């Protein structure tokens, strides 16, 4: 499986997982995953083909790039993992 397929599967899985969270509006058009919180904060997550990276735009921590390393999407600027960052930030937003 290539990086694009791995990324698409993850975006689809995240979309399905968050669909029923009342405080979130989730839209996945097959390329870009958009998550909007009840407070109006918007997260965008997409696969950037030329770099084989997942890119996250966060209203809290800004832009992140993730590379597929050791079976995880790892940040290019810190040791953090995509799902940990996204989960932490969305949990904070939902609890507000």
N, C-alpha and C. Protein backbone atom coordinates (compact mmCIF):
# COMPACT_ATOMS: atom_id res chain seq x y z
N UNK A 1 0.86 -1.18 0.00
CA UNK A 1 0.00 0.00 0.00
C UNK A 1 0.90 1.24 0.00
N UNK A 2 0.60 2.22 -0.84
CA UNK A 2 1.42 3.43 -0.90
C UNK A 2 0.95 4.48 0.12
N UNK A 3 1.74 5.55 0.26
CA UNK A 3 1.43 6.59 1.25
C UNK A 3 0.07 7.23 1.01
N UNK A 4 -0.27 7.44 -0.23
CA UNK A 4 -1.56 8.06 -0.56
C UNK A 4 -2.72 7.19 -0.07
N UNK A 5 -2.64 5.90 -0.30
CA UNK A 5 -3.70 4.99 0.15
C UNK A 5 -3.77 4.93 1.67
N UNK A 6 -2.61 4.89 2.31
CA UNK A 6 -2.57 4.85 3.78
C UNK A 6 -3.21 6.12 4.34
N UNK A 7 -2.86 7.26 3.75
CA UNK A 7 -3.41 8.54 4.21
C UNK A 7 -4.92 8.60 3.99
N UNK A 8 -5.37 8.19 2.80
CA UNK A 8 -6.81 8.23 2.50
C UNK A 8 -7.58 7.36 3.48
N UNK A 9 -7.07 6.18 3.77
CA UNK A 9 -7.74 5.29 4.72
C UNK A 9 -7.82 5.92 6.11
N UNK A 10 -6.76 6.60 6.52
CA UNK A 10 -6.78 7.27 7.83
C UNK A 10 -7.79 8.40 7.84
N UNK A 11 -7.79 9.23 6.82
CA UNK A 11 -8.74 10.35 6.77
C UNK A 11 -10.18 9.84 6.80
N UNK A 12 -10.43 8.78 6.08
CA UNK A 12 -11.77 8.20 6.07
C UNK A 12 -12.13 7.64 7.44
N UNK A 13 -11.19 6.97 8.08
CA UNK A 13 -11.42 6.42 9.42
C UNK A 13 -11.70 7.53 10.43
N UNK A 14 -10.91 8.60 10.39
CA UNK A 14 -11.13 9.73 11.29
C UNK A 14 -12.51 10.33 11.05
N UNK A 15 -12.87 10.51 9.80
CA UNK A 15 -14.17 11.08 9.43
C UNK A 15 -15.31 10.24 10.00
N UNK A 16 -15.23 8.95 9.80
CA UNK A 16 -16.29 8.05 10.29
C UNK A 16 -16.34 8.08 11.82
N UNK A 17 -15.17 8.10 12.46
CA UNK A 17 -15.10 8.09 13.92
C UNK A 17 -15.71 9.34 14.55
N UNK A 18 -15.57 10.48 13.85
CA UNK A 18 -16.04 11.75 14.42
C UNK A 18 -17.44 12.16 13.97
N UNK A 19 -18.02 11.43 13.02
CA UNK A 19 -19.34 11.79 12.47
C UNK A 19 -20.41 11.99 13.53
N UNK A 20 -20.39 11.17 14.55
CA UNK A 20 -21.47 11.20 15.55
C UNK A 20 -21.15 12.01 16.79
N UNK A 21 -20.08 12.77 16.74
CA UNK A 21 -19.75 13.65 17.87
C UNK A 21 -20.55 14.94 17.67
N UNK A 22 -21.49 15.19 18.57
CA UNK A 22 -22.42 16.32 18.42
C UNK A 22 -21.73 17.67 18.31
N UNK A 23 -20.61 17.84 18.99
CA UNK A 23 -19.93 19.13 19.02
C UNK A 23 -19.09 19.40 17.77
N UNK A 24 -19.05 18.45 16.83
CA UNK A 24 -18.22 18.59 15.64
C UNK A 24 -19.02 18.46 14.35
N UNK A 25 -18.65 19.25 13.36
CA UNK A 25 -19.18 19.09 12.03
C UNK A 25 -18.04 18.59 11.16
N UNK A 26 -18.22 17.41 10.59
CA UNK A 26 -17.15 16.74 9.86
C UNK A 26 -17.54 16.57 8.40
N UNK A 27 -16.59 16.89 7.51
CA UNK A 27 -16.81 16.73 6.08
C UNK A 27 -15.55 16.16 5.45
N UNK A 28 -15.70 15.05 4.74
CA UNK A 28 -14.58 14.46 4.01
C UNK A 28 -15.01 14.25 2.57
N UNK A 29 -14.36 14.98 1.65
CA UNK A 29 -14.74 14.91 0.25
C UNK A 29 -13.88 13.92 -0.55
N UNK A 30 -13.12 13.11 0.15
CA UNK A 30 -12.23 12.16 -0.51
C UNK A 30 -10.81 12.67 -0.62
N UNK A 31 -10.62 13.97 -0.39
CA UNK A 31 -9.28 14.57 -0.46
C UNK A 31 -8.94 15.37 0.80
N UNK A 32 -9.88 16.19 1.23
CA UNK A 32 -9.66 17.06 2.38
C UNK A 32 -10.67 16.73 3.47
N UNK A 33 -10.15 16.53 4.69
CA UNK A 33 -11.00 16.32 5.85
C UNK A 33 -11.12 17.64 6.58
N UNK A 34 -12.34 18.12 6.74
CA UNK A 34 -12.61 19.36 7.44
C UNK A 34 -13.37 19.03 8.72
N UNK A 35 -12.89 19.56 9.82
CA UNK A 35 -13.54 19.36 11.11
C UNK A 35 -13.78 20.74 11.72
N UNK A 36 -15.03 21.05 11.99
CA UNK A 36 -15.36 22.33 12.61
C UNK A 36 -15.98 22.08 13.97
N UNK A 37 -15.48 22.80 14.97
CA UNK A 37 -15.98 22.63 16.33
C UNK A 37 -17.18 23.55 16.56
N UNK A 38 -17.87 23.32 17.66
CA UNK A 38 -19.03 24.15 18.01
C UNK A 38 -18.63 25.60 18.25
N UNK A 39 -17.36 25.83 18.58
CA UNK A 39 -16.88 27.20 18.80
C UNK A 39 -16.42 27.87 17.50
N UNK A 40 -16.55 27.16 16.38
CA UNK A 40 -16.18 27.72 15.09
C UNK A 40 -14.74 27.50 14.67
N UNK A 41 -13.99 26.77 15.48
CA UNK A 41 -12.61 26.45 15.11
C UNK A 41 -12.62 25.41 13.99
N UNK A 42 -11.73 25.58 13.00
CA UNK A 42 -11.72 24.64 11.88
C UNK A 42 -10.34 24.00 11.71
N UNK A 43 -10.37 22.68 11.57
CA UNK A 43 -9.17 21.88 11.29
C UNK A 43 -9.29 21.37 9.87
N UNK A 44 -8.18 21.40 9.14
CA UNK A 44 -8.13 20.84 7.81
C UNK A 44 -6.99 19.84 7.76
N UNK A 45 -7.26 18.69 7.18
CA UNK A 45 -6.27 17.63 7.09
C UNK A 45 -6.32 17.05 5.69
N UNK A 46 -5.15 17.01 5.01
CA UNK A 46 -5.12 16.46 3.66
C UNK A 46 -3.76 15.84 3.37
N UNK A 47 -3.74 14.99 2.34
CA UNK A 47 -2.50 14.37 1.90
C UNK A 47 -1.88 15.23 0.81
N UNK A 48 -0.61 15.55 0.99
CA UNK A 48 0.13 16.35 0.01
C UNK A 48 1.02 15.39 -0.78
N UNK A 49 0.57 15.05 -1.98
CA UNK A 49 1.24 14.05 -2.81
C UNK A 49 2.70 14.30 -3.12
N UNK A 50 3.07 15.51 -3.53
CA UNK A 50 4.48 15.74 -3.89
C UNK A 50 5.47 15.45 -2.76
N UNK A 51 5.06 15.61 -1.51
CA UNK A 51 5.96 15.36 -0.38
C UNK A 51 5.63 14.05 0.35
N UNK A 52 4.55 13.37 -0.05
CA UNK A 52 4.08 12.16 0.64
C UNK A 52 3.84 12.43 2.12
N UNK A 53 3.25 13.58 2.41
CA UNK A 53 2.98 13.97 3.79
C UNK A 53 1.50 14.24 4.00
N UNK A 54 1.07 14.04 5.23
CA UNK A 54 -0.25 14.53 5.66
C UNK A 54 -0.02 15.91 6.25
N UNK A 55 -0.85 16.86 5.87
CA UNK A 55 -0.74 18.23 6.36
C UNK A 55 -1.97 18.54 7.20
N UNK A 56 -1.74 19.09 8.38
CA UNK A 56 -2.80 19.50 9.29
C UNK A 56 -2.72 21.00 9.50
N UNK A 57 -3.85 21.66 9.33
CA UNK A 57 -3.98 23.07 9.68
C UNK A 57 -4.84 23.12 10.94
N UNK A 58 -4.23 23.57 12.03
CA UNK A 58 -4.90 23.61 13.33
C UNK A 58 -5.09 25.06 13.76
N UNK A 59 -6.28 25.41 14.25
CA UNK A 59 -6.49 26.77 14.76
C UNK A 59 -5.76 27.02 16.08
N UNK A 60 -5.29 25.97 16.71
CA UNK A 60 -4.63 26.09 18.00
C UNK A 60 -3.11 26.12 17.85
N UNK A 61 -2.57 25.18 17.10
CA UNK A 61 -1.12 25.05 17.02
C UNK A 61 -0.55 25.33 15.63
N UNK A 62 -1.38 25.74 14.70
CA UNK A 62 -0.90 26.11 13.37
C UNK A 62 -0.71 24.92 12.44
N UNK A 63 0.23 25.07 11.53
CA UNK A 63 0.45 24.07 10.48
C UNK A 63 1.39 22.97 10.96
N UNK A 64 1.06 21.74 10.59
CA UNK A 64 1.88 20.57 10.90
C UNK A 64 2.03 19.74 9.63
N UNK A 65 3.19 19.13 9.47
CA UNK A 65 3.42 18.17 8.39
C UNK A 65 3.82 16.85 9.04
N UNK A 66 3.30 15.76 8.50
CA UNK A 66 3.55 14.44 9.06
C UNK A 66 4.04 13.50 7.98
N UNK A 67 5.06 12.71 8.32
CA UNK A 67 5.59 11.70 7.42
C UNK A 67 5.29 10.31 7.98
N UNK A 68 5.11 9.34 7.06
CA UNK A 68 4.83 7.97 7.45
C UNK A 68 6.14 7.31 7.87
N UNK A 69 6.34 7.16 9.18
CA UNK A 69 7.56 6.58 9.74
C UNK A 69 7.17 5.55 10.79
N UNK A 70 7.73 4.36 10.68
CA UNK A 70 7.47 3.30 11.67
C UNK A 70 5.97 3.06 11.86
N UNK A 71 5.25 3.02 10.74
CA UNK A 71 3.81 2.71 10.75
C UNK A 71 2.96 3.76 11.45
N UNK A 72 3.47 5.00 11.54
CA UNK A 72 2.70 6.11 12.13
C UNK A 72 2.98 7.38 11.36
N UNK A 73 2.02 8.30 11.41
CA UNK A 73 2.21 9.62 10.82
C UNK A 73 2.86 10.49 11.89
N UNK A 74 4.17 10.74 11.73
CA UNK A 74 4.95 11.47 12.72
C UNK A 74 5.26 12.89 12.24
N UNK A 75 5.21 13.83 13.17
CA UNK A 75 5.48 15.23 12.85
C UNK A 75 6.91 15.41 12.35
N UNK A 76 7.06 16.34 11.40
CA UNK A 76 8.40 16.65 10.88
C UNK A 76 9.12 17.65 11.77
N UNK A 77 8.41 18.23 12.76
CA UNK A 77 9.04 19.24 13.61
C UNK A 77 9.10 18.88 15.09
N UNK A 78 8.57 17.72 15.44
CA UNK A 78 8.61 17.27 16.83
C UNK A 78 8.42 15.75 16.83
N UNK A 79 8.59 15.10 17.98
CA UNK A 79 8.40 13.65 18.03
C UNK A 79 6.92 13.22 18.10
N UNK A 80 6.02 14.17 17.97
CA UNK A 80 4.60 13.87 18.13
C UNK A 80 4.01 13.12 16.94
N UNK A 81 2.91 12.45 17.23
CA UNK A 81 2.18 11.65 16.24
C UNK A 81 0.87 12.37 15.92
N UNK A 82 0.46 12.33 14.67
CA UNK A 82 -0.74 13.03 14.20
C UNK A 82 -1.96 12.75 15.07
N UNK A 83 -2.28 11.50 15.28
CA UNK A 83 -3.51 11.20 16.03
C UNK A 83 -3.47 11.72 17.46
N UNK A 84 -2.29 11.75 18.06
CA UNK A 84 -2.18 12.29 19.42
C UNK A 84 -2.47 13.80 19.44
N UNK A 85 -1.91 14.52 18.48
CA UNK A 85 -2.13 15.96 18.40
C UNK A 85 -3.60 16.25 18.15
N UNK A 86 -4.17 15.60 17.15
CA UNK A 86 -5.57 15.84 16.79
C UNK A 86 -6.51 15.47 17.93
N UNK A 87 -6.29 14.34 18.55
CA UNK A 87 -7.14 13.91 19.67
C UNK A 87 -7.07 14.89 20.82
N UNK A 88 -5.88 15.29 21.18
CA UNK A 88 -5.69 16.21 22.29
C UNK A 88 -6.40 17.54 22.03
N UNK A 89 -6.20 18.09 20.85
CA UNK A 89 -6.80 19.39 20.54
C UNK A 89 -8.31 19.30 20.44
N UNK A 90 -8.84 18.27 19.81
CA UNK A 90 -10.30 18.15 19.70
C UNK A 90 -10.93 17.89 21.05
N UNK A 91 -10.29 17.11 21.89
CA UNK A 91 -10.81 16.89 23.25
C UNK A 91 -10.88 18.20 24.02
N UNK A 92 -9.87 19.04 23.87
CA UNK A 92 -9.86 20.35 24.52
C UNK A 92 -11.01 21.20 24.00
N UNK A 93 -11.23 21.20 22.70
CA UNK A 93 -12.31 22.00 22.10
C UNK A 93 -13.69 21.51 22.55
N UNK A 94 -13.86 20.20 22.59
CA UNK A 94 -15.17 19.63 22.96
C UNK A 94 -15.50 19.93 24.42
N UNK A 95 -14.49 19.99 25.27
CA UNK A 95 -14.73 20.22 26.70
C UNK A 95 -14.99 21.68 27.02
N UNK A 96 -14.75 22.60 26.09
CA UNK A 96 -14.97 24.01 26.36
C UNK A 96 -16.44 24.31 26.52
